[in-house]
Amino acid sequence: MSRLRLAAVIALAVVSCVLATSAAAHANAVFPFRADSGDNCRYGSTQGSLIWRYSTTTPIRPIALDVRGTLVDHPLPDEWGFLCRDDGYYSVATFVAYLSNGTTSRAEARADAALVSLDFTLGSSTATASISRATVQVCRSPLFGTGPSYCGPPQHYAPVVYDPPPPIP
């Protein structure tokens, strides 16, 4: 019986070392994102990378989300011609991170017939609130208040959560 217990302790130690090594190697996780305005011409669209930054404590949870990418509002100068002409709207990409303490962290970017770079971080100012999910959505609104605003479908993203199993008693 003691050999079985010793084998279990050794196995647990090996698994713990592997998990600790893999958790340290996964301080960041990078995933692509994409969202558009949902119209036929895809006037507004955003794409890039969501970089989930993880805590160094156990359980390992995402505490910040770096957004890197672009937002484009078509038509760009000298683009598309008569098929999808300028409709007098601008595009807004909204990024929302949902935190474990019930709050949100939000950022927006706006483009009007232009390509805009995205480079910002969402999350809590403390490491106690982790990020459970994020949403990306592109909406379009009229430049001069004539016509309705509309949005494409929200795109939802969830982080990989590293939660090592509890120790065996």
C-alpha atoms as a PDB file:
ATOM      1  CA  MET A   1       0.000   0.000   0.000  1.00  0.00           C
ATOM      2  CA  SER A   2       2.859   2.389   0.798  1.00  0.00           C
ATOM      3  CA  ARG A   3       4.372   1.797  -2.665  1.00  0.00           C
ATOM      4  CA  LEU A   4       1.077   2.824  -4.224  1.00  0.00           C
ATOM      5  CA  ARG A   5       0.994   5.990  -2.113  1.00  0.00           C
ATOM      6  CA  LEU A   6       4.639   6.767  -2.987  1.00  0.00           C
ATOM      7  CA  ALA A   7       3.871   6.264  -6.690  1.00  0.00           C
ATOM      8  CA  ALA A   8       0.882   8.605  -6.402  1.00  0.00           C
ATOM      9  CA  VAL A   9       2.995  11.284  -4.686  1.00  0.00           C
ATOM     10  CA  ILE A  10       5.700  11.010  -7.351  1.00  0.00           C
ATOM     11  CA  ALA A  11       3.116  11.153 -10.131  1.00  0.00           C
ATOM     12  CA  LEU A  12       1.514  14.219  -8.520  1.00  0.00           C
ATOM     13  CA  ALA A  13       4.909  15.918  -8.232  1.00  0.00           C
ATOM     14  CA  VAL A  14       5.691  15.239 -11.901  1.00  0.00           C
ATOM     15  CA  VAL A  15       2.257  16.490 -13.031  1.00  0.00           C
ATOM     16  CA  SER A  16       2.613  19.602 -10.844  1.00  0.00           C
ATOM     17  CA  CYS A  17       6.017  20.380 -12.363  1.00  0.00           C
ATOM     18  CA  VAL A  18       4.654  19.925 -15.877  1.00  0.00           C
ATOM     19  CA  LEU A  19       1.657  22.147 -15.134  1.00  0.00           C
ATOM     20  CA  ALA A  20       3.849  24.805 -13.540  1.00  0.00           C
ATOM     21  CA  THR A  21       6.171  24.777 -16.543  1.00  0.00           C
ATOM     22  CA  SER A  22       3.339  24.932 -19.069  1.00  0.00           C
ATOM     23  CA  ALA A  23       1.565  27.686 -17.110  1.00  0.00           C
ATOM     24  CA  ALA A  24       4.703  29.804 -17.076  1.00  0.00           C
ATOM     25  CA  ALA A  25       5.110  29.220 -20.796  1.00  0.00           C
ATOM     26  CA  HIS A  26       1.536  30.420 -21.376  1.00  0.00           C
ATOM     27  CA  ALA A  27       1.836  33.883 -19.796  1.00  0.00           C
ATOM     28  CA  ASN A  28       0.137  35.189 -22.948  1.00  0.00           C
ATOM     29  CA  ALA A  29      -2.242  33.514 -25.374  1.00  0.00           C
ATOM     30  CA  VAL A  30      -2.855  35.044 -28.807  1.00  0.00           C
ATOM     31  CA  PHE A  31      -6.052  34.456 -30.804  1.00  0.00           C
ATOM     32  CA  PRO A  32      -7.361  36.155 -33.964  1.00  0.00           C
ATOM     33  CA  PHE A  33     -10.554  38.209 -33.972  1.00  0.00           C
ATOM     34  CA  ARG A  34     -12.800  39.477 -36.753  1.00  0.00           C
ATOM     35  CA  ALA A  35     -16.119  41.334 -36.891  1.00  0.00           C
ATOM     36  CA  ASP A  36     -17.994  43.317 -39.548  1.00  0.00           C
ATOM     37  CA  SER A  37     -20.955  45.647 -39.927  1.00  0.00           C
ATOM     38  CA  GLY A  38     -23.225  42.959 -41.358  1.00  0.00           C
ATOM     39  CA  ASP A  39     -24.260  44.854 -44.503  1.00  0.00           C
ATOM     40  CA  ASN A  40     -23.892  43.546 -48.048  1.00  0.00           C
ATOM     41  CA  CYS A  41     -20.876  45.709 -48.843  1.00  0.00           C
ATOM     42  CA  ARG A  42     -19.116  45.013 -45.528  1.00  0.00           C
ATOM     43  CA  TYR A  43     -18.524  48.728 -45.184  1.00  0.00           C
ATOM     44  CA  GLY A  44     -17.126  48.414 -41.651  1.00  0.00           C
ATOM     45  CA  SER A  45     -14.830  45.626 -40.495  1.00  0.00           C
ATOM     46  CA  THR A  46     -12.221  44.977 -37.856  1.00  0.00           C
ATOM     47  CA  GLN A  47      -9.657  42.224 -37.443  1.00  0.00           C
ATOM     48  CA  GLY A  48      -6.472  41.484 -35.579  1.00  0.00           C
ATOM     49  CA  SER A  49      -5.245  39.678 -32.471  1.00  0.00           C
ATOM     50  CA  LEU A  50      -6.565  39.377 -28.947  1.00  0.00           C
ATOM     51  CA  ILE A  51      -3.662  38.819 -26.572  1.00  0.00           C
ATOM     52  CA  TRP A  52      -4.876  37.372 -23.271  1.00  0.00           C
ATOM     53  CA  ARG A  53      -2.409  38.175 -20.464  1.00  0.00           C
ATOM     54  CA  TYR A  54      -2.499  35.821 -17.480  1.00  0.00           C
ATOM     55  CA  SER A  55      -1.808  36.237 -13.784  1.00  0.00           C
ATOM     56  CA  THR A  56       1.188  34.519 -12.260  1.00  0.00           C
ATOM     57  CA  THR A  57      -0.800  33.251  -9.276  1.00  0.00           C
ATOM     58  CA  THR A  58      -2.896  30.114  -8.938  1.00  0.00           C
ATOM     59  CA  PRO A  59      -5.477  29.673 -10.314  1.00  0.00           C
ATOM     60  CA  ILE A  60      -4.050  31.189 -13.460  1.00  0.00           C
ATOM     61  CA  ARG A  61      -6.654  33.566 -14.915  1.00  0.00           C
ATOM     62  CA  PRO A  62      -6.577  36.225 -17.664  1.00  0.00           C
ATOM     63  CA  ILE A  63      -6.284  39.676 -16.091  1.00  0.00           C
ATOM     64  CA  ALA A  64      -5.705  41.853 -19.165  1.00  0.00           C
ATOM     65  CA  LEU A  65      -6.578  41.763 -22.847  1.00  0.00           C
ATOM     66  CA  ASP A  66      -4.384  43.502 -25.408  1.00  0.00           C
ATOM     67  CA  VAL A  67      -6.090  44.356 -28.684  1.00  0.00           C
ATOM     68  CA  ARG A  68      -3.911  44.763 -31.791  1.00  0.00           C
ATOM     69  CA  GLY A  69      -5.376  45.149 -35.256  1.00  0.00           C
ATOM     70  CA  THR A  70      -7.242  47.450 -37.627  1.00  0.00           C
ATOM     71  CA  LEU A  71     -10.661  48.963 -38.198  1.00  0.00           C
ATOM     72  CA  VAL A  72     -11.554  49.869 -41.763  1.00  0.00           C
ATOM     73  CA  ASP A  73     -14.498  51.896 -43.029  1.00  0.00           C
ATOM     74  CA  HIS A  74     -15.096  51.491 -46.756  1.00  0.00           C
ATOM     75  CA  PRO A  75     -14.933  52.842 -49.295  1.00  0.00           C
ATOM     76  CA  LEU A  76     -11.352  53.946 -48.978  1.00  0.00           C
ATOM     77  CA  PRO A  77     -10.243  56.552 -51.504  1.00  0.00           C
ATOM     78  CA  ASP A  78     -10.102  55.083 -55.038  1.00  0.00           C
ATOM     79  CA  GLU A  79     -11.906  51.893 -54.022  1.00  0.00           C
ATOM     80  CA  TRP A  80     -14.850  49.901 -55.401  1.00  0.00           C
ATOM     81  CA  GLY A  81     -16.348  52.453 -57.784  1.00  0.00           C
ATOM     82  CA  PHE A  82     -20.094  52.310 -58.319  1.00  0.00           C
ATOM     83  CA  LEU A  83     -20.943  48.990 -56.604  1.00  0.00           C
ATOM     84  CA  CYS A  84     -20.532  50.108 -53.003  1.00  0.00           C
ATOM     85  CA  ARG A  85     -20.321  53.872 -53.095  1.00  0.00           C
ATOM     86  CA  ASP A  86     -19.895  56.097 -50.063  1.00  0.00           C
ATOM     87  CA  ASP A  87     -23.081  55.892 -48.029  1.00  0.00           C
ATOM     88  CA  GLY A  88     -22.364  58.796 -45.665  1.00  0.00           C
ATOM     89  CA  TYR A  89     -21.878  56.549 -42.608  1.00  0.00           C
ATOM     90  CA  TYR A  90     -18.871  55.965 -40.349  1.00  0.00           C
ATOM     91  CA  SER A  91     -17.872  52.756 -38.512  1.00  0.00           C
ATOM     92  CA  VAL A  92     -17.301  52.207 -34.803  1.00  0.00           C
ATOM     93  CA  ALA A  93     -15.696  49.046 -33.405  1.00  0.00           C
ATOM     94  CA  THR A  94     -16.573  48.369 -29.771  1.00  0.00           C
ATOM     95  CA  PHE A  95     -14.502  46.015 -27.609  1.00  0.00           C
ATOM     96  CA  VAL A  96     -15.868  44.933 -24.229  1.00  0.00           C
ATOM     97  CA  ALA A  97     -14.107  42.746 -21.651  1.00  0.00           C
ATOM     98  CA  TYR A  98     -16.390  41.225 -18.994  1.00  0.00           C
ATOM     99  CA  LEU A  99     -14.693  41.041 -15.599  1.00  0.00           C
ATOM    100  CA  SER A 100     -15.301  38.535 -12.800  1.00  0.00           C
ATOM    101  CA  ASN A 101     -16.314  41.304 -10.373  1.00  0.00           C
ATOM    102  CA  GLY A 102     -19.368  42.128 -12.527  1.00  0.00           C
ATOM    103  CA  THR A 103     -17.924  45.192 -14.258  1.00  0.00           C
ATOM    104  CA  THR A 104     -16.772  45.737 -17.819  1.00  0.00           C
ATOM    105  CA  SER A 105     -13.795  47.356 -19.485  1.00  0.00           C
ATOM    106  CA  ARG A 106     -14.644  49.000 -22.816  1.00  0.00           C
ATOM    107  CA  ALA A 107     -12.856  50.694 -25.702  1.00  0.00           C
ATOM    108  CA  GLU A 108     -14.026  52.029 -29.060  1.00  0.00           C
ATOM    109  CA  ALA A 109     -12.364  53.028 -32.300  1.00  0.00           C
ATOM    110  CA  ARG A 110     -13.951  55.153 -35.051  1.00  0.00           C
ATOM    111  CA  ALA A 111     -13.184  55.306 -38.773  1.00  0.00           C
ATOM    112  CA  ASP A 112     -14.706  57.286 -41.649  1.00  0.00           C
ATOM    113  CA  ALA A 113     -13.542  56.125 -45.094  1.00  0.00           C
ATOM    114  CA  ALA A 114     -10.206  55.229 -43.503  1.00  0.00           C
ATOM    115  CA  LEU A 115      -8.045  52.488 -42.031  1.00  0.00           C
ATOM    116  CA  VAL A 116      -7.374  52.929 -38.290  1.00  0.00           C
ATOM    117  CA  SER A 117      -4.811  50.985 -36.235  1.00  0.00           C
ATOM    118  CA  LEU A 118      -5.896  49.450 -32.939  1.00  0.00           C
ATOM    119  CA  ASP A 119      -3.485  49.121 -30.016  1.00  0.00           C
ATOM    120  CA  PHE A 120      -4.967  49.211 -26.495  1.00  0.00           C
ATOM    121  CA  THR A 121      -5.465  47.124 -23.357  1.00  0.00           C
ATOM    122  CA  LEU A 122      -8.690  46.142 -21.603  1.00  0.00           C
ATOM    123  CA  GLY A 123      -8.929  44.851 -18.055  1.00  0.00           C
ATOM    124  CA  SER A 124      -9.003  45.815 -14.429  1.00  0.00           C
ATOM    125  CA  SER A 125      -6.479  48.037 -12.706  1.00  0.00           C
ATOM    126  CA  THR A 126      -6.103  45.285 -10.077  1.00  0.00           C
ATOM    127  CA  ALA A 127      -5.101  41.689 -10.594  1.00  0.00           C
ATOM    128  CA  THR A 128      -8.048  40.456  -8.516  1.00  0.00           C
ATOM    129  CA  ALA A 129     -10.645  40.752 -11.308  1.00  0.00           C
ATOM    130  CA  SER A 130     -10.130  38.293 -14.130  1.00  0.00           C
ATOM    131  CA  ILE A 131     -11.618  38.514 -17.624  1.00  0.00           C
ATOM    132  CA  SER A 132     -14.250  35.889 -18.373  1.00  0.00           C
ATOM    133  CA  ARG A 133     -14.984  36.820 -21.998  1.00  0.00           C
ATOM    134  CA  ALA A 134     -14.776  39.593 -24.586  1.00  0.00           C
ATOM    135  CA  THR A 135     -17.119  40.888 -27.261  1.00  0.00           C
ATOM    136  CA  VAL A 136     -16.258  42.693 -30.515  1.00  0.00           C
ATOM    137  CA  GLN A 137     -18.919  44.479 -32.582  1.00  0.00           C
ATOM    138  CA  VAL A 138     -18.890  46.892 -35.525  1.00  0.00           C
ATOM    139  CA  CYS A 139     -21.690  49.443 -35.869  1.00  0.00           C
ATOM    140  CA  ARG A 140     -22.315  52.150 -38.470  1.00  0.00           C
ATOM    141  CA  SER A 141     -23.924  55.533 -37.933  1.00  0.00           C
ATOM    142  CA  PRO A 142     -24.742  58.413 -40.262  1.00  0.00           C
ATOM    143  CA  LEU A 143     -22.259  61.269 -40.397  1.00  0.00           C
ATOM    144  CA  PHE A 144     -24.939  63.937 -40.282  1.00  0.00           C
ATOM    145  CA  GLY A 145     -27.782  62.279 -38.337  1.00  0.00           C
ATOM    146  CA  THR A 146     -29.840  61.255 -41.368  1.00  0.00           C
ATOM    147  CA  GLY A 147     -30.816  57.593 -41.294  1.00  0.00           C
ATOM    148  CA  PRO A 148     -30.745  54.786 -38.759  1.00  0.00           C
ATOM    149  CA  SER A 149     -27.658  53.293 -37.160  1.00  0.00           C
ATOM    150  CA  TYR A 150     -27.082  49.557 -37.520  1.00  0.00           C
ATOM    151  CA  CYS A 151     -24.682  46.923 -36.208  1.00  0.00           C
ATOM    152  CA  GLY A 152     -23.239  43.643 -37.336  1.00  0.00           C
ATOM    153  CA  PRO A 153     -23.527  40.595 -35.092  1.00  0.00           C
ATOM    154  CA  PRO A 154     -21.376  40.693 -31.962  1.00  0.00           C
ATOM    155  CA  GLN A 155     -18.476  38.260 -31.943  1.00  0.00           C
ATOM    156  CA  HIS A 156     -17.730  36.573 -28.626  1.00  0.00           C
ATOM    157  CA  TYR A 157     -14.327  35.344 -27.462  1.00  0.00           C
ATOM    158  CA  ALA A 158     -13.363  33.436 -24.318  1.00  0.00           C
ATOM    159  CA  PRO A 159      -9.876  32.863 -22.953  1.00  0.00           C
ATOM    160  CA  VAL A 160      -8.200  29.576 -22.268  1.00  0.00           C
ATOM    161  CA  VAL A 161      -8.209  29.166 -18.484  1.00  0.00           C
ATOM    162  CA  TYR A 162      -5.354  27.361 -16.792  1.00  0.00           C
ATOM    163  CA  ASP A 163      -6.765  25.943 -13.571  1.00  0.00           C
ATOM    164  CA  PRO A 164      -4.607  23.147 -12.177  1.00  0.00           C
ATOM    165  CA  PRO A 165      -6.469  20.373 -10.389  1.00  0.00           C
ATOM    166  CA  PRO A 166      -6.558  20.459  -6.589  1.00  0.00           C
ATOM    167  CA  PRO A 167      -3.939  18.356  -4.806  1.00  0.00           C
ATOM    168  CA  ILE A 168      -4.793  14.761  -3.994  1.00  0.00           C
ATOM    169  CA  PRO A 169      -5.134  14.271  -0.214  1.00  0.00           C
END
